[in-house]
Amino acid sequence: LSEGDAFGNVALGDGQRVQVEYVSANSTGPLHLAVSVGTQVVGLYPSEEAVSPRRWGPLGRGSRVIQPIQEGDSMDSISVERVAREVEELYFRILKNGKVQQ
């Protein structure tokens, strides 16, 4: 990429990097990449056993998992407010500790 493309992506020069304090996402590559570099996450997982967080959940210290409350409920049953609460708690824990806990 050049300095910016039609999609708003910006290339970083050699030696530059972006650091985030936390990531909130469903169980996908970006969530697991974030954990692999020490970023704390709030992971969203369905209630189905085949894709459960016991098998596929984030392994990072301090990471959180959110699932539907009722077994068999869809991911749509996870409210924005519930995710926001978890993200807020994670954010304030990071602020209290001064840095991301690895």
C-alpha atoms as a PDB file:
ATOM      1  CA  LEU A   1       0.000   0.000   0.000  1.00  0.00           C
ATOM      2  CA  SER A   2       1.012   3.552  -0.520  1.00  0.00           C
ATOM      3  CA  GLU A   3       0.358   6.288   2.023  1.00  0.00           C
ATOM      4  CA  GLY A   4      -3.343   5.615   1.761  1.00  0.00           C
ATOM      5  CA  ASP A   5      -5.551   3.631  -0.558  1.00  0.00           C
ATOM      6  CA  ALA A   6      -9.198   3.802  -1.544  1.00  0.00           C
ATOM      7  CA  PHE A   7     -10.194   1.766   1.523  1.00  0.00           C
ATOM      8  CA  GLY A   8      -8.523   4.049   4.057  1.00  0.00           C
ATOM      9  CA  ASN A   9      -5.649   1.646   4.723  1.00  0.00           C
ATOM     10  CA  VAL A  10      -2.348   3.283   5.565  1.00  0.00           C
ATOM     11  CA  ALA A  11       1.017   1.628   5.127  1.00  0.00           C
ATOM     12  CA  LEU A  12       3.447   1.717   8.018  1.00  0.00           C
ATOM     13  CA  GLY A  13       7.104   2.349   7.297  1.00  0.00           C
ATOM     14  CA  ASP A  14       9.876   0.005   8.337  1.00  0.00           C
ATOM     15  CA  GLY A  15      10.110  -0.372  12.082  1.00  0.00           C
ATOM     16  CA  GLN A  16       6.742   1.249  12.758  1.00  0.00           C
ATOM     17  CA  ARG A  17       3.980  -0.604  14.502  1.00  0.00           C
ATOM     18  CA  VAL A  18       0.530  -0.065  15.900  1.00  0.00           C
ATOM     19  CA  GLN A  19      -0.107  -1.034  19.509  1.00  0.00           C
ATOM     20  CA  VAL A  20      -3.563  -1.432  20.965  1.00  0.00           C
ATOM     21  CA  GLU A  21      -4.480  -2.050  24.578  1.00  0.00           C
ATOM     22  CA  TYR A  22      -7.339  -4.491  23.924  1.00  0.00           C
ATOM     23  CA  VAL A  23      -9.378  -6.079  21.151  1.00  0.00           C
ATOM     24  CA  SER A  24     -13.013  -7.183  21.126  1.00  0.00           C
ATOM     25  CA  ALA A  25     -13.950  -9.662  18.372  1.00  0.00           C
ATOM     26  CA  ASN A  26     -15.565 -12.969  17.662  1.00  0.00           C
ATOM     27  CA  SER A  27     -13.377 -16.068  17.399  1.00  0.00           C
ATOM     28  CA  THR A  28     -11.422 -15.160  14.274  1.00  0.00           C
ATOM     29  CA  GLY A  29      -7.842 -14.674  13.191  1.00  0.00           C
ATOM     30  CA  PRO A  30      -7.569 -11.053  14.383  1.00  0.00           C
ATOM     31  CA  LEU A  31      -8.623 -12.072  17.906  1.00  0.00           C
ATOM     32  CA  HIS A  32      -6.016 -14.825  18.069  1.00  0.00           C
ATOM     33  CA  LEU A  33      -3.313 -12.655  16.494  1.00  0.00           C
ATOM     34  CA  ALA A  34      -3.990 -10.011  19.132  1.00  0.00           C
ATOM     35  CA  VAL A  35      -3.563 -12.602  21.891  1.00  0.00           C
ATOM     36  CA  SER A  36      -0.359 -13.906  20.283  1.00  0.00           C
ATOM     37  CA  VAL A  37       1.298 -10.490  20.690  1.00  0.00           C
ATOM     38  CA  GLY A  38       0.138 -10.040  24.288  1.00  0.00           C
ATOM     39  CA  THR A  39      -2.972  -7.918  23.753  1.00  0.00           C
ATOM     40  CA  GLN A  40      -5.848  -8.631  26.103  1.00  0.00           C
ATOM     41  CA  VAL A  41      -9.102  -9.500  24.396  1.00  0.00           C
ATOM     42  CA  VAL A  42     -12.826  -9.851  24.879  1.00  0.00           C
ATOM     43  CA  GLY A  43     -13.759 -12.829  22.700  1.00  0.00           C
ATOM     44  CA  LEU A  44     -17.300 -13.541  21.532  1.00  0.00           C
ATOM     45  CA  TYR A  45     -18.174 -17.221  21.142  1.00  0.00           C
ATOM     46  CA  PRO A  46     -21.331 -19.155  20.226  1.00  0.00           C
ATOM     47  CA  SER A  47     -22.750 -21.685  22.669  1.00  0.00           C
ATOM     48  CA  GLU A  48     -22.191 -24.652  20.317  1.00  0.00           C
ATOM     49  CA  GLU A  49     -19.760 -27.271  21.641  1.00  0.00           C
ATOM     50  CA  ALA A  50     -17.869 -27.581  18.327  1.00  0.00           C
ATOM     51  CA  VAL A  51     -16.727 -23.959  18.536  1.00  0.00           C
ATOM     52  CA  SER A  52     -16.654 -23.556  22.304  1.00  0.00           C
ATOM     53  CA  PRO A  53     -14.110 -21.331  24.014  1.00  0.00           C
ATOM     54  CA  ARG A  54     -12.899 -24.399  25.941  1.00  0.00           C
ATOM     55  CA  ARG A  55     -11.445 -25.567  22.650  1.00  0.00           C
ATOM     56  CA  TRP A  56     -10.889 -22.349  20.696  1.00  0.00           C
ATOM     57  CA  GLY A  57     -10.855 -19.656  23.365  1.00  0.00           C
ATOM     58  CA  PRO A  58      -8.133 -17.045  23.769  1.00  0.00           C
ATOM     59  CA  LEU A  59      -5.224 -18.282  25.844  1.00  0.00           C
ATOM     60  CA  GLY A  60      -3.917 -14.872  26.816  1.00  0.00           C
ATOM     61  CA  ARG A  61      -3.735 -13.871  30.445  1.00  0.00           C
ATOM     62  CA  GLY A  62      -6.560 -11.557  31.398  1.00  0.00           C
ATOM     63  CA  SER A  63      -8.627 -12.342  28.312  1.00  0.00           C
ATOM     64  CA  ARG A  64     -12.387 -12.545  28.677  1.00  0.00           C
ATOM     65  CA  VAL A  65     -14.977 -14.684  26.909  1.00  0.00           C
ATOM     66  CA  ILE A  66     -18.619 -13.829  26.275  1.00  0.00           C
ATOM     67  CA  GLN A  67     -21.178 -16.406  25.174  1.00  0.00           C
ATOM     68  CA  PRO A  68     -24.961 -16.399  24.859  1.00  0.00           C
ATOM     69  CA  ILE A  69     -26.512 -16.825  28.303  1.00  0.00           C
ATOM     70  CA  GLN A  70     -28.864 -19.630  27.276  1.00  0.00           C
ATOM     71  CA  GLU A  71     -27.496 -22.786  25.643  1.00  0.00           C
ATOM     72  CA  GLY A  72     -28.587 -22.843  22.009  1.00  0.00           C
ATOM     73  CA  ASP A  73     -29.178 -19.087  21.747  1.00  0.00           C
ATOM     74  CA  SER A  74     -27.628 -17.359  18.754  1.00  0.00           C
ATOM     75  CA  MET A  75     -24.803 -14.866  18.907  1.00  0.00           C
ATOM     76  CA  ASP A  76     -27.445 -12.178  18.307  1.00  0.00           C
ATOM     77  CA  SER A  77     -28.519 -12.703  21.913  1.00  0.00           C
ATOM     78  CA  ILE A  78     -25.246 -11.158  23.127  1.00  0.00           C
ATOM     79  CA  SER A  79     -26.168  -7.549  23.787  1.00  0.00           C
ATOM     80  CA  VAL A  80     -24.030  -4.574  22.892  1.00  0.00           C
ATOM     81  CA  GLU A  81     -24.382  -3.452  26.518  1.00  0.00           C
ATOM     82  CA  ARG A  82     -22.926  -6.736  27.787  1.00  0.00           C
ATOM     83  CA  VAL A  83     -19.925  -6.480  25.471  1.00  0.00           C
ATOM     84  CA  ALA A  84     -19.463  -2.804  26.385  1.00  0.00           C
ATOM     85  CA  ARG A  85     -19.487  -3.708  30.101  1.00  0.00           C
ATOM     86  CA  GLU A  86     -16.768  -6.355  29.603  1.00  0.00           C
ATOM     87  CA  VAL A  87     -14.658  -4.023  27.465  1.00  0.00           C
ATOM     88  CA  GLU A  88     -15.047  -1.245  30.030  1.00  0.00           C
ATOM     89  CA  GLU A  89     -13.974  -3.543  32.881  1.00  0.00           C
ATOM     90  CA  LEU A  90     -10.964  -4.700  30.873  1.00  0.00           C
ATOM     91  CA  TYR A  91     -10.067  -1.115  29.979  1.00  0.00           C
ATOM     92  CA  PHE A  92     -10.201   0.060  33.595  1.00  0.00           C
ATOM     93  CA  ARG A  93      -8.136  -2.923  34.718  1.00  0.00           C
ATOM     94  CA  ILE A  94      -5.503  -1.963  32.146  1.00  0.00           C
ATOM     95  CA  LEU A  95      -5.575   1.675  33.328  1.00  0.00           C
ATOM     96  CA  LYS A  96      -5.278   0.601  36.972  1.00  0.00           C
ATOM     97  CA  ASN A  97      -2.267  -1.598  36.249  1.00  0.00           C
ATOM     98  CA  GLY A  98      -0.638   1.024  34.052  1.00  0.00           C
ATOM     99  CA  LYS A  99       0.056  -1.389  31.212  1.00  0.00           C
ATOM    100  CA  VAL A 100      -1.311  -4.444  29.516  1.00  0.00           C
ATOM    101  CA  GLN A 101      -0.726  -7.514  31.678  1.00  0.00           C
ATOM    102  CA  GLN A 102       1.095 -10.263  29.775  1.00  0.00           C
END
